[in-house]
Amino acid sequence: MSVIDILTRVDSICKKYDKYDVDKQKDLNVSGEDAFARLYSGVEADIDAALQKASAASKEKNRASVVAINAEIRRTKARLLEDVPKLQRLAMKKVSFFSNFDSF
């Protein structure tokens, strides 16, 4: 069996099981109708970006750039804290919708 055959087989197996890949499904599940999913995915992306900036700041040697990165992180954190009540409201609406739906 050659390397090309192995790569072809691996590629076909990966395509077959793509529907079970959590990361790909998470990106696809953000629908235009679901406000909670849209806001949550945006918040999650902002958190990931802030974590990457924090790790970059910890490795940075220049103090001025560390201060600038930390200021960006603080601004992001403040913006995310403003989104928490919106997420809570949308989550309560979603939970009440599903609890009403289950009673039928």
C-alpha atoms as a PDB file:
ATOM      1  CA  MET A   1       0.000   0.000   0.000  1.00  0.00           C
ATOM      2  CA  SER A   2       1.517   3.294  -1.041  1.00  0.00           C
ATOM      3  CA  VAL A   3       1.480   6.574   0.824  1.00  0.00           C
ATOM      4  CA  ILE A   4      -1.024   8.011  -1.655  1.00  0.00           C
ATOM      5  CA  ASP A   5      -3.422   5.122  -1.002  1.00  0.00           C
ATOM      6  CA  ILE A   6      -3.130   5.647   2.736  1.00  0.00           C
ATOM      7  CA  LEU A   7      -3.760   9.382   2.429  1.00  0.00           C
ATOM      8  CA  THR A   8      -6.770   8.737   0.203  1.00  0.00           C
ATOM      9  CA  ARG A   9      -8.222   6.279   2.694  1.00  0.00           C
ATOM     10  CA  VAL A  10      -7.603   8.590   5.644  1.00  0.00           C
ATOM     11  CA  ASP A  11      -9.207  11.478   3.778  1.00  0.00           C
ATOM     12  CA  SER A  12     -12.304   9.426   2.943  1.00  0.00           C
ATOM     13  CA  ILE A  13     -12.622   8.259   6.554  1.00  0.00           C
ATOM     14  CA  CYS A  14     -12.274  11.846   7.805  1.00  0.00           C
ATOM     15  CA  LYS A  15     -14.999  13.011   5.415  1.00  0.00           C
ATOM     16  CA  LYS A  16     -17.241  10.160   6.562  1.00  0.00           C
ATOM     17  CA  TYR A  17     -16.941  11.124  10.227  1.00  0.00           C
ATOM     18  CA  ASP A  18     -16.940  14.935   9.861  1.00  0.00           C
ATOM     19  CA  LYS A  19     -20.475  15.095  11.204  1.00  0.00           C
ATOM     20  CA  TYR A  20     -19.164  13.927  14.594  1.00  0.00           C
ATOM     21  CA  ASP A  21     -16.514  16.652  14.830  1.00  0.00           C
ATOM     22  CA  VAL A  22     -17.625  18.909  17.671  1.00  0.00           C
ATOM     23  CA  ASP A  23     -15.660  21.975  16.574  1.00  0.00           C
ATOM     24  CA  LYS A  24     -17.072  21.938  13.054  1.00  0.00           C
ATOM     25  CA  GLN A  25     -20.615  21.368  14.282  1.00  0.00           C
ATOM     26  CA  LYS A  26     -20.314  24.210  16.779  1.00  0.00           C
ATOM     27  CA  ASP A  27     -19.456  26.615  13.963  1.00  0.00           C
ATOM     28  CA  LEU A  28     -22.336  25.386  11.821  1.00  0.00           C
ATOM     29  CA  ASN A  29     -24.974  25.538  14.577  1.00  0.00           C
ATOM     30  CA  VAL A  30     -24.962  29.328  14.855  1.00  0.00           C
ATOM     31  CA  SER A  31     -28.142  30.097  12.985  1.00  0.00           C
ATOM     32  CA  GLY A  32     -29.391  33.526  12.012  1.00  0.00           C
ATOM     33  CA  GLU A  33     -32.625  33.054  13.949  1.00  0.00           C
ATOM     34  CA  ASP A  34     -31.181  32.122  17.330  1.00  0.00           C
ATOM     35  CA  ALA A  35     -30.104  35.338  19.055  1.00  0.00           C
ATOM     36  CA  PHE A  36     -28.694  33.457  22.049  1.00  0.00           C
ATOM     37  CA  ALA A  37     -26.426  31.289  19.885  1.00  0.00           C
ATOM     38  CA  ARG A  38     -25.198  34.308  17.926  1.00  0.00           C
ATOM     39  CA  LEU A  39     -24.404  36.317  21.048  1.00  0.00           C
ATOM     40  CA  TYR A  40     -22.877  33.329  22.834  1.00  0.00           C
ATOM     41  CA  SER A  41     -20.599  32.484  19.920  1.00  0.00           C
ATOM     42  CA  GLY A  42     -19.478  36.113  19.764  1.00  0.00           C
ATOM     43  CA  VAL A  43     -18.746  36.164  23.483  1.00  0.00           C
ATOM     44  CA  GLU A  44     -16.915  32.869  23.258  1.00  0.00           C
ATOM     45  CA  ALA A  45     -14.782  34.152  20.375  1.00  0.00           C
ATOM     46  CA  ASP A  46     -13.964  37.318  22.344  1.00  0.00           C
ATOM     47  CA  ILE A  47     -12.954  35.237  25.360  1.00  0.00           C
ATOM     48  CA  ASP A  48     -10.680  33.063  23.228  1.00  0.00           C
ATOM     49  CA  ALA A  49      -9.084  36.155  21.698  1.00  0.00           C
ATOM     50  CA  ALA A  50      -8.537  37.684  25.149  1.00  0.00           C
ATOM     51  CA  LEU A  51      -6.939  34.481  26.402  1.00  0.00           C
ATOM     52  CA  GLN A  52      -4.581  34.445  23.438  1.00  0.00           C
ATOM     53  CA  LYS A  53      -3.684  38.080  24.099  1.00  0.00           C
ATOM     54  CA  ALA A  54      -3.032  37.271  27.757  1.00  0.00           C
ATOM     55  CA  SER A  55      -0.687  34.445  26.855  1.00  0.00           C
ATOM     56  CA  ALA A  56       1.087  36.736  24.382  1.00  0.00           C
ATOM     57  CA  ALA A  57       1.402  39.401  27.079  1.00  0.00           C
ATOM     58  CA  SER A  58       2.958  36.930  29.494  1.00  0.00           C
ATOM     59  CA  LYS A  59       5.641  36.097  26.927  1.00  0.00           C
ATOM     60  CA  GLU A  60       6.270  39.702  25.883  1.00  0.00           C
ATOM     61  CA  LYS A  61       9.498  41.345  27.029  1.00  0.00           C
ATOM     62  CA  ASN A  62       8.639  44.973  26.224  1.00  0.00           C
ATOM     63  CA  ARG A  63       6.786  46.485  29.195  1.00  0.00           C
ATOM     64  CA  ALA A  64       5.039  49.133  27.110  1.00  0.00           C
ATOM     65  CA  SER A  65       3.497  46.538  24.826  1.00  0.00           C
ATOM     66  CA  VAL A  66       2.475  44.453  27.859  1.00  0.00           C
ATOM     67  CA  VAL A  67       0.664  47.487  29.273  1.00  0.00           C
ATOM     68  CA  ALA A  68      -1.088  48.078  25.945  1.00  0.00           C
ATOM     69  CA  ILE A  69      -2.134  44.422  25.654  1.00  0.00           C
ATOM     70  CA  ASN A  70      -3.424  44.406  29.239  1.00  0.00           C
ATOM     71  CA  ALA A  71      -5.451  47.550  28.537  1.00  0.00           C
ATOM     72  CA  GLU A  72      -6.991  45.821  25.521  1.00  0.00           C
ATOM     73  CA  ILE A  73      -7.826  42.821  27.680  1.00  0.00           C
ATOM     74  CA  ARG A  74      -9.463  45.065  30.302  1.00  0.00           C
ATOM     75  CA  ARG A  75     -11.588  46.754  27.610  1.00  0.00           C
ATOM     76  CA  THR A  76     -12.620  43.374  26.248  1.00  0.00           C
ATOM     77  CA  LYS A  77     -13.491  42.180  29.744  1.00  0.00           C
ATOM     78  CA  ALA A  78     -15.656  45.253  30.356  1.00  0.00           C
ATOM     79  CA  ARG A  79     -17.474  44.734  27.053  1.00  0.00           C
ATOM     80  CA  LEU A  80     -18.018  41.057  27.885  1.00  0.00           C
ATOM     81  CA  LEU A  81     -19.418  41.936  31.304  1.00  0.00           C
ATOM     82  CA  GLU A  82     -21.980  44.143  29.536  1.00  0.00           C
ATOM     83  CA  ASP A  83     -23.057  41.139  27.449  1.00  0.00           C
ATOM     84  CA  VAL A  84     -23.656  38.855  30.453  1.00  0.00           C
ATOM     85  CA  PRO A  85     -27.111  40.284  31.361  1.00  0.00           C
ATOM     86  CA  LYS A  86     -28.150  40.024  27.696  1.00  0.00           C
ATOM     87  CA  LEU A  87     -27.081  36.385  27.649  1.00  0.00           C
ATOM     88  CA  GLN A  88     -28.946  35.696  30.889  1.00  0.00           C
ATOM     89  CA  ARG A  89     -32.121  37.276  29.524  1.00  0.00           C
ATOM     90  CA  LEU A  90     -31.905  35.320  26.281  1.00  0.00           C
ATOM     91  CA  ALA A  91     -31.151  32.106  28.168  1.00  0.00           C
ATOM     92  CA  MET A  92     -34.219  32.580  30.367  1.00  0.00           C
ATOM     93  CA  LYS A  93     -36.363  33.149  27.282  1.00  0.00           C
ATOM     94  CA  LYS A  94     -34.945  30.018  25.712  1.00  0.00           C
ATOM     95  CA  VAL A  95     -35.515  27.950  28.860  1.00  0.00           C
ATOM     96  CA  SER A  96     -39.078  29.202  29.262  1.00  0.00           C
ATOM     97  CA  PHE A  97     -39.757  28.465  25.588  1.00  0.00           C
ATOM     98  CA  PHE A  98     -38.562  24.894  25.973  1.00  0.00           C
ATOM     99  CA  SER A  99     -40.419  24.367  29.250  1.00  0.00           C
ATOM    100  CA  ASN A 100     -43.618  25.641  27.613  1.00  0.00           C
ATOM    101  CA  PHE A 101     -42.936  23.425  24.612  1.00  0.00           C
ATOM    102  CA  ASP A 102     -42.521  20.336  26.820  1.00  0.00           C
ATOM    103  CA  SER A 103     -45.878  20.882  28.529  1.00  0.00           C
ATOM    104  CA  PHE A 104     -47.791  20.389  25.283  1.00  0.00           C
END
